[in-house]
PDB file of all heavy atoms in Angstrom:
ATOM      1  N   PHE A   1       0.822  -1.211   0.000  1.00  0.00           N
ATOM      2  CA  PHE A   1       0.000   0.000   0.000  1.00  0.00           C
ATOM      3  C   PHE A   1       0.857   1.263   0.000  1.00  0.00           C
ATOM      4  O   PHE A   1       0.520   2.245  -0.659  1.00  0.00           O
ATOM      5  CB  PHE A   1      -0.953  -0.022   1.192  1.00  0.00           C
ATOM      6  CG  PHE A   1      -1.923  -1.165   1.125  1.00  0.00           C
ATOM      7  CD1 PHE A   1      -1.776  -2.261   1.950  1.00  0.00           C
ATOM      8  CD2 PHE A   1      -2.955  -1.151   0.209  1.00  0.00           C
ATOM      9  CE1 PHE A   1      -2.662  -3.327   1.875  1.00  0.00           C
ATOM     10  CE2 PHE A   1      -3.846  -2.214   0.125  1.00  0.00           C
ATOM     11  CZ  PHE A   1      -3.688  -3.302   0.958  1.00  0.00           C
ATOM     12  N   SER A   2       1.975   1.257   0.720  1.00  0.00           N
ATOM     13  CA  SER A   2       2.826   2.448   0.733  1.00  0.00           C
ATOM     14  C   SER A   2       3.533   2.624  -0.611  1.00  0.00           C
ATOM     15  O   SER A   2       3.570   3.725  -1.155  1.00  0.00           O
ATOM     16  CB  SER A   2       3.832   2.369   1.876  1.00  0.00           C
ATOM     17  OG  SER A   2       4.699   1.275   1.713  1.00  0.00           O
ATOM     18  N   LYS A   3       4.091   1.547  -1.157  1.00  0.00           N
ATOM     19  CA  LYS A   3       4.768   1.661  -2.449  1.00  0.00           C
ATOM     20  C   LYS A   3       3.781   1.983  -3.556  1.00  0.00           C
ATOM     21  O   LYS A   3       4.086   2.743  -4.473  1.00  0.00           O
ATOM     22  CB  LYS A   3       5.515   0.368  -2.774  1.00  0.00           C
ATOM     23  CG  LYS A   3       6.763   0.202  -1.963  1.00  0.00           C
ATOM     24  CD  LYS A   3       7.518  -1.032  -2.362  1.00  0.00           C
ATOM     25  CE  LYS A   3       8.722  -1.137  -1.446  1.00  0.00           C
ATOM     26  NZ  LYS A   3       9.594  -2.200  -1.765  1.00  0.00           N
ATOM     27  N   ASP A   4       2.609   1.402  -3.481  1.00  0.00           N
ATOM     28  CA  ASP A   4       1.588   1.640  -4.499  1.00  0.00           C
ATOM     29  C   ASP A   4       1.213   3.116  -4.549  1.00  0.00           C
ATOM     30  O   ASP A   4       1.131   3.703  -5.627  1.00  0.00           O
ATOM     31  CB  ASP A   4       0.361   0.779  -4.193  1.00  0.00           C
ATOM     32  CG  ASP A   4      -0.709   0.913  -5.247  1.00  0.00           C
ATOM     33  OD1 ASP A   4      -0.368   0.823  -6.436  1.00  0.00           O
ATOM     34  OD2 ASP A   4      -1.887   1.102  -4.872  1.00  0.00           O
ATOM     35  N   LYS A   5       0.994   3.730  -3.411  1.00  0.00           N
ATOM     36  CA  LYS A   5       0.607   5.149  -3.382  1.00  0.00           C
ATOM     37  C   LYS A   5       1.734   6.061  -3.859  1.00  0.00           C
ATOM     38  O   LYS A   5       1.491   7.036  -4.563  1.00  0.00           O
ATOM     39  CB  LYS A   5       0.171   5.555  -1.963  1.00  0.00           C
ATOM     40  CG  LYS A   5      -1.157   4.984  -1.571  1.00  0.00           C
ATOM     41  CD  LYS A   5      -2.236   5.540  -2.478  1.00  0.00           C
ATOM     42  CE  LYS A   5      -3.580   4.967  -2.110  1.00  0.00           C
ATOM     43  NZ  LYS A   5      -4.614   5.360  -3.060  1.00  0.00           N
ATOM     44  N   ILE A   6       2.957   5.750  -3.468  1.00  0.00           N
ATOM     45  CA  ILE A   6       4.084   6.576  -3.892  1.00  0.00           C
ATOM     46  C   ILE A   6       4.280   6.476  -5.404  1.00  0.00           C
ATOM     47  O   ILE A   6       4.461   7.486  -6.095  1.00  0.00           O
ATOM     48  CB  ILE A   6       5.366   6.181  -3.132  1.00  0.00           C
ATOM     49  CG1 ILE A   6       5.223   6.529  -1.652  1.00  0.00           C
ATOM     50  CG2 ILE A   6       6.588   6.861  -3.730  1.00  0.00           C
ATOM     51  CD1 ILE A   6       6.305   5.955  -0.780  1.00  0.00           C
ATOM     52  N   LEU A   7       4.233   5.250  -5.934  1.00  0.00           N
ATOM     53  CA  LEU A   7       4.378   5.066  -7.384  1.00  0.00           C
ATOM     54  C   LEU A   7       3.213   5.698  -8.136  1.00  0.00           C
ATOM     55  O   LEU A   7       3.403   6.302  -9.198  1.00  0.00           O
ATOM     56  CB  LEU A   7       4.487   3.585  -7.718  1.00  0.00           C
ATOM     57  CG  LEU A   7       5.806   2.912  -7.335  1.00  0.00           C
ATOM     58  CD1 LEU A   7       5.702   1.408  -7.485  1.00  0.00           C
ATOM     59  CD2 LEU A   7       6.935   3.456  -8.170  1.00  0.00           C
ATOM     60  N   GLU A   8       2.022   5.585  -7.584  1.00  0.00           N
ATOM     61  CA  GLU A   8       0.847   6.191  -8.220  1.00  0.00           C
ATOM     62  C   GLU A   8       0.964   7.707  -8.271  1.00  0.00           C
ATOM     63  O   GLU A   8       0.663   8.324  -9.302  1.00  0.00           O
ATOM     64  CB  GLU A   8      -0.410   5.790  -7.459  1.00  0.00           C
ATOM     65  CG  GLU A   8      -1.677   6.398  -8.009  1.00  0.00           C
ATOM     66  CD  GLU A   8      -2.890   6.109  -7.139  1.00  0.00           C
ATOM     67  OE1 GLU A   8      -2.765   5.420  -6.115  1.00  0.00           O
ATOM     68  OE2 GLU A   8      -3.962   6.617  -7.489  1.00  0.00           O
ATOM     69  N   ALA A   9       1.411   8.312  -7.177  1.00  0.00           N
ATOM     70  CA  ALA A   9       1.548   9.768  -7.142  1.00  0.00           C
ATOM     71  C   ALA A   9       2.575  10.254  -8.167  1.00  0.00           C
ATOM     72  O   ALA A   9       2.367  11.272  -8.833  1.00  0.00           O
ATOM     73  CB  ALA A   9       1.942  10.225  -5.745  1.00  0.00           C
ATOM     74  N   ALA A  10       3.679   9.520  -8.305  1.00  0.00           N
ATOM     75  CA  ALA A  10       4.693   9.909  -9.285  1.00  0.00           C
ATOM     76  C   ALA A  10       4.182   9.721 -10.711  1.00  0.00           C
ATOM     77  O   ALA A  10       4.467  10.534 -11.592  1.00  0.00           O
ATOM     78  CB  ALA A  10       5.968   9.101  -9.072  1.00  0.00           C
ATOM     79  N   PHE A  11       3.417   8.675 -10.956  1.00  0.00           N
ATOM     80  CA  PHE A  11       2.902   8.397 -12.292  1.00  0.00           C
ATOM     81  C   PHE A  11       1.843   9.421 -12.704  1.00  0.00           C
ATOM     82  O   PHE A  11       1.853   9.923 -13.824  1.00  0.00           O
ATOM     83  CB  PHE A  11       2.324   6.984 -12.341  1.00  0.00           C
ATOM     84  CG  PHE A  11       1.908   6.553 -13.709  1.00  0.00           C
ATOM     85  CD1 PHE A  11       2.853   6.153 -14.633  1.00  0.00           C
ATOM     86  CD2 PHE A  11       0.573   6.538 -14.070  1.00  0.00           C
ATOM     87  CE1 PHE A  11       2.490   5.746 -15.895  1.00  0.00           C
ATOM     88  CE2 PHE A  11       0.193   6.139 -15.333  1.00  0.00           C
ATOM     89  CZ  PHE A  11       1.151   5.739 -16.258  1.00  0.00           C
ATOM     90  N   VAL A  12       0.945   9.740 -11.779  1.00  0.00           N
ATOM     91  CA  VAL A  12      -0.152  10.668 -12.077  1.00  0.00           C
ATOM     92  C   VAL A  12       0.370  12.086 -12.293  1.00  0.00           C
ATOM     93  O   VAL A  12      -0.197  12.846 -13.074  1.00  0.00           O
ATOM     94  CB  VAL A  12      -1.207  10.627 -10.945  1.00  0.00           C
ATOM     95  CG1 VAL A  12      -2.236  11.727 -11.093  1.00  0.00           C
ATOM     96  CG2 VAL A  12      -1.874   9.267 -10.916  1.00  0.00           C
ATOM     97  N   SER A  13       1.444  12.452 -11.634  1.00  0.00           N
ATOM     98  CA  SER A  13       1.967  13.813 -11.766  1.00  0.00           C
ATOM     99  C   SER A  13       2.799  14.000 -13.038  1.00  0.00           C
ATOM    100  O   SER A  13       3.436  15.042 -13.196  1.00  0.00           O
ATOM    101  CB  SER A  13       2.809  14.169 -10.544  1.00  0.00           C
ATOM    102  OG  SER A  13       3.980  13.388 -10.515  1.00  0.00           O
ATOM    103  N   ASP A  14       2.790  13.015 -13.919  1.00  0.00           N
ATOM    104  CA  ASP A  14       3.519  13.073 -15.190  1.00  0.00           C
ATOM    105  C   ASP A  14       5.023  13.252 -15.015  1.00  0.00           C
ATOM    106  O   ASP A  14       5.696  13.836 -15.865  1.00  0.00           O
ATOM    107  CB  ASP A  14       2.964  14.179 -16.096  1.00  0.00           C
ATOM    108  CG  ASP A  14       1.538  13.890 -16.530  1.00  0.00           C
ATOM    109  OD1 ASP A  14       1.188  12.695 -16.648  1.00  0.00           O
ATOM    110  OD2 ASP A  14       0.778  14.852 -16.750  1.00  0.00           O
ATOM    111  N   LYS A  15       5.538  12.780 -13.930  1.00  0.00           N
ATOM    112  CA  LYS A  15       6.983  12.790 -13.689  1.00  0.00           C
ATOM    113  C   LYS A  15       7.507  11.373 -13.951  1.00  0.00           C
ATOM    114  O   LYS A  15       7.804  10.614 -13.042  1.00  0.00           O
ATOM    115  CB  LYS A  15       7.291  13.198 -12.249  1.00  0.00           C
ATOM    116  CG  LYS A  15       6.676  14.491 -11.818  1.00  0.00           C
ATOM    117  CD  LYS A  15       7.598  15.627 -12.124  1.00  0.00           C
ATOM    118  CE  LYS A  15       7.057  16.854 -11.428  1.00  0.00           C
ATOM    119  NZ  LYS A  15       7.135  18.042 -12.151  1.00  0.00           N
ATOM    120  N   PHE A  16       7.610  11.017 -15.215  1.00  0.00           N
ATOM    121  CA  PHE A  16       7.946   9.649 -15.575  1.00  0.00           C
ATOM    122  C   PHE A  16       9.391   9.286 -15.246  1.00  0.00           C
ATOM    123  O   PHE A  16       9.688   8.113 -15.010  1.00  0.00           O
ATOM    124  CB  PHE A  16       7.650   9.401 -17.046  1.00  0.00           C
ATOM    125  CG  PHE A  16       6.184   9.486 -17.352  1.00  0.00           C
ATOM    126  CD1 PHE A  16       5.687  10.500 -18.143  1.00  0.00           C
ATOM    127  CD2 PHE A  16       5.296   8.560 -16.822  1.00  0.00           C
ATOM    128  CE1 PHE A  16       4.339  10.584 -18.418  1.00  0.00           C
ATOM    129  CE2 PHE A  16       3.944   8.631 -17.085  1.00  0.00           C
ATOM    130  CZ  PHE A  16       3.459   9.645 -17.883  1.00  0.00           C
ATOM    131  N   ASP A  17      10.278  10.264 -15.205  1.00  0.00           N
ATOM    132  CA  ASP A  17      11.651   9.967 -14.813  1.00  0.00           C
ATOM    133  C   ASP A  17      11.721   9.597 -13.330  1.00  0.00           C
ATOM    134  O   ASP A  17      12.412   8.643 -12.964  1.00  0.00           O
ATOM    135  CB  ASP A  17      12.575  11.137 -15.136  1.00  0.00           C
ATOM    136  CG  ASP A  17      12.078  12.470 -14.592  1.00  0.00           C
ATOM    137  OD1 ASP A  17      10.891  12.561 -14.219  1.00  0.00           O
ATOM    138  OD2 ASP A  17      12.872  13.427 -14.555  1.00  0.00           O
ATOM    139  N   ILE A  18      10.994  10.318 -12.500  1.00  0.00           N
ATOM    140  CA  ILE A  18      10.942   9.989 -11.077  1.00  0.00           C
ATOM    141  C   ILE A  18      10.244   8.651 -10.879  1.00  0.00           C
ATOM    142  O   ILE A  18      10.676   7.823 -10.066  1.00  0.00           O
ATOM    143  CB  ILE A  18      10.245  11.111 -10.284  1.00  0.00           C
ATOM    144  CG1 ILE A  18      11.098  12.379 -10.341  1.00  0.00           C
ATOM    145  CG2 ILE A  18      10.002  10.688  -8.842  1.00  0.00           C
ATOM    146  CD1 ILE A  18      10.459  13.585  -9.718  1.00  0.00           C
ATOM    147  N   TYR A  19       9.183   8.422 -11.630  1.00  0.00           N
ATOM    148  CA  TYR A  19       8.466   7.151 -11.550  1.00  0.00           C
ATOM    149  C   TYR A  19       9.398   5.982 -11.905  1.00  0.00           C
ATOM    150  O   TYR A  19       9.394   4.959 -11.223  1.00  0.00           O
ATOM    151  CB  TYR A  19       7.256   7.174 -12.486  1.00  0.00           C
ATOM    152  CG  TYR A  19       6.538   5.852 -12.570  1.00  0.00           C
ATOM    153  CD1 TYR A  19       5.728   5.427 -11.532  1.00  0.00           C
ATOM    154  CD2 TYR A  19       6.678   5.026 -13.682  1.00  0.00           C
ATOM    155  CE1 TYR A  19       5.062   4.209 -11.592  1.00  0.00           C
ATOM    156  CE2 TYR A  19       6.019   3.812 -13.752  1.00  0.00           C
ATOM    157  CZ  TYR A  19       5.216   3.415 -12.707  1.00  0.00           C
ATOM    158  OH  TYR A  19       4.574   2.205 -12.767  1.00  0.00           O
ATOM    159  N   ALA A  20      10.198   6.145 -12.928  1.00  0.00           N
ATOM    160  CA  ALA A  20      11.112   5.080 -13.348  1.00  0.00           C
ATOM    161  C   ALA A  20      12.148   4.780 -12.267  1.00  0.00           C
ATOM    162  O   ALA A  20      12.436   3.616 -11.975  1.00  0.00           O
ATOM    163  CB  ALA A  20      11.804   5.464 -14.651  1.00  0.00           C
ATOM    164  N   VAL A  21      12.686   5.821 -11.662  1.00  0.00           N
ATOM    165  CA  VAL A  21      13.672   5.633 -10.596  1.00  0.00           C
ATOM    166  C   VAL A  21      13.022   4.935  -9.395  1.00  0.00           C
ATOM    167  O   VAL A  21      13.618   4.022  -8.811  1.00  0.00           O
ATOM    168  CB  VAL A  21      14.290   6.992 -10.184  1.00  0.00           C
ATOM    169  CG1 VAL A  21      15.123   6.862  -8.928  1.00  0.00           C
ATOM    170  CG2 VAL A  21      15.111   7.560 -11.318  1.00  0.00           C
ATOM    171  N   LEU A  22      11.821   5.355  -9.025  1.00  0.00           N
ATOM    172  CA  LEU A  22      11.121   4.719  -7.914  1.00  0.00           C
ATOM    173  C   LEU A  22      10.784   3.262  -8.212  1.00  0.00           C
ATOM    174  O   LEU A  22      10.898   2.396  -7.335  1.00  0.00           O
ATOM    175  CB  LEU A  22       9.845   5.494  -7.584  1.00  0.00           C
ATOM    176  CG  LEU A  22      10.027   6.877  -6.988  1.00  0.00           C
ATOM    177  CD1 LEU A  22       8.687   7.588  -6.891  1.00  0.00           C
ATOM    178  CD2 LEU A  22      10.677   6.787  -5.627  1.00  0.00           C
ATOM    179  N   LEU A  23      10.386   2.983  -9.429  1.00  0.00           N
ATOM    180  CA  LEU A  23      10.065   1.614  -9.824  1.00  0.00           C
ATOM    181  C   LEU A  23      11.310   0.727  -9.795  1.00  0.00           C
ATOM    182  O   LEU A  23      11.259  -0.404  -9.304  1.00  0.00           O
ATOM    183  CB  LEU A  23       9.427   1.600 -11.209  1.00  0.00           C
ATOM    184  CG  LEU A  23       8.863   0.267 -11.677  1.00  0.00           C
ATOM    185  CD1 LEU A  23       7.740  -0.182 -10.747  1.00  0.00           C
ATOM    186  CD2 LEU A  23       8.353   0.389 -13.101  1.00  0.00           C
ATOM    187  N   ILE A  24      12.419   1.244 -10.285  1.00  0.00           N
ATOM    188  CA  ILE A  24      13.677   0.489 -10.226  1.00  0.00           C
ATOM    189  C   ILE A  24      14.073   0.238  -8.776  1.00  0.00           C
ATOM    190  O   ILE A  24      14.519  -0.859  -8.425  1.00  0.00           O
ATOM    191  CB  ILE A  24      14.782   1.236 -10.999  1.00  0.00           C
ATOM    192  CG1 ILE A  24      14.502   1.188 -12.493  1.00  0.00           C
ATOM    193  CG2 ILE A  24      16.158   0.645 -10.707  1.00  0.00           C
ATOM    194  CD1 ILE A  24      15.367   2.106 -13.311  1.00  0.00           C
ATOM    195  N   GLY A  25      13.898   1.225  -7.921  1.00  0.00           N
ATOM    196  CA  GLY A  25      14.190   1.048  -6.499  1.00  0.00           C
ATOM    197  C   GLY A  25      13.319  -0.019  -5.861  1.00  0.00           C
ATOM    198  O   GLY A  25      13.788  -0.824  -5.045  1.00  0.00           O
ATOM    199  N   ALA A  26      12.044  -0.060  -6.234  1.00  0.00           N
ATOM    200  CA  ALA A  26      11.141  -1.074  -5.697  1.00  0.00           C
ATOM    201  C   ALA A  26      11.537  -2.471  -6.158  1.00  0.00           C
ATOM    202  O   ALA A  26      11.521  -3.428  -5.382  1.00  0.00           O
ATOM    203  CB  ALA A  26       9.705  -0.763  -6.115  1.00  0.00           C
ATOM    204  N   VAL A  27      11.922  -2.587  -7.413  1.00  0.00           N
ATOM    205  CA  VAL A  27      12.346  -3.889  -7.940  1.00  0.00           C
ATOM    206  C   VAL A  27      13.643  -4.343  -7.271  1.00  0.00           C
ATOM    207  O   VAL A  27      13.790  -5.513  -6.901  1.00  0.00           O
ATOM    208  CB  VAL A  27      12.501  -3.822  -9.475  1.00  0.00           C
ATOM    209  CG1 VAL A  27      13.175  -5.056 -10.021  1.00  0.00           C
ATOM    210  CG2 VAL A  27      11.146  -3.628 -10.123  1.00  0.00           C
ATOM    211  N   LEU A  28      14.588  -3.432  -7.101  1.00  0.00           N
ATOM    212  CA  LEU A  28      15.850  -3.788  -6.437  1.00  0.00           C
ATOM    213  C   LEU A  28      15.629  -4.168  -4.977  1.00  0.00           C
ATOM    214  O   LEU A  28      16.319  -5.057  -4.455  1.00  0.00           O
ATOM    215  CB  LEU A  28      16.846  -2.635  -6.555  1.00  0.00           C
ATOM    216  CG  LEU A  28      17.438  -2.422  -7.939  1.00  0.00           C
ATOM    217  CD1 LEU A  28      18.337  -1.193  -7.952  1.00  0.00           C
ATOM    218  CD2 LEU A  28      18.205  -3.646  -8.391  1.00  0.00           C
ATOM    219  N   THR A  29      14.692  -3.515  -4.303  1.00  0.00           N
ATOM    220  CA  THR A  29      14.367  -3.876  -2.926  1.00  0.00           C
ATOM    221  C   THR A  29      13.856  -5.308  -2.844  1.00  0.00           C
ATOM    222  O   THR A  29      14.268  -6.079  -1.978  1.00  0.00           O
ATOM    223  CB  THR A  29      13.320  -2.914  -2.343  1.00  0.00           C
ATOM    224  OG1 THR A  29      13.829  -1.584  -2.394  1.00  0.00           O
ATOM    225  CG2 THR A  29      12.992  -3.264  -0.905  1.00  0.00           C
ATOM    226  N   ALA A  30      12.978  -5.679  -3.747  1.00  0.00           N
ATOM    227  CA  ALA A  30      12.471  -7.051  -3.779  1.00  0.00           C
ATOM    228  C   ALA A  30      13.607  -8.026  -4.074  1.00  0.00           C
ATOM    229  O   ALA A  30      13.700  -9.092  -3.453  1.00  0.00           O
ATOM    230  CB  ALA A  30      11.374  -7.176  -4.828  1.00  0.00           C
TER     231      ALA A  30
END
């Protein structure tokens, strides 16, 4: 729920570069 909201906020705000970095961070964490 926390990662979902953070990724959603970055995606909705049209900041795709930030979204990509956050997504890579989430994948590396897993």
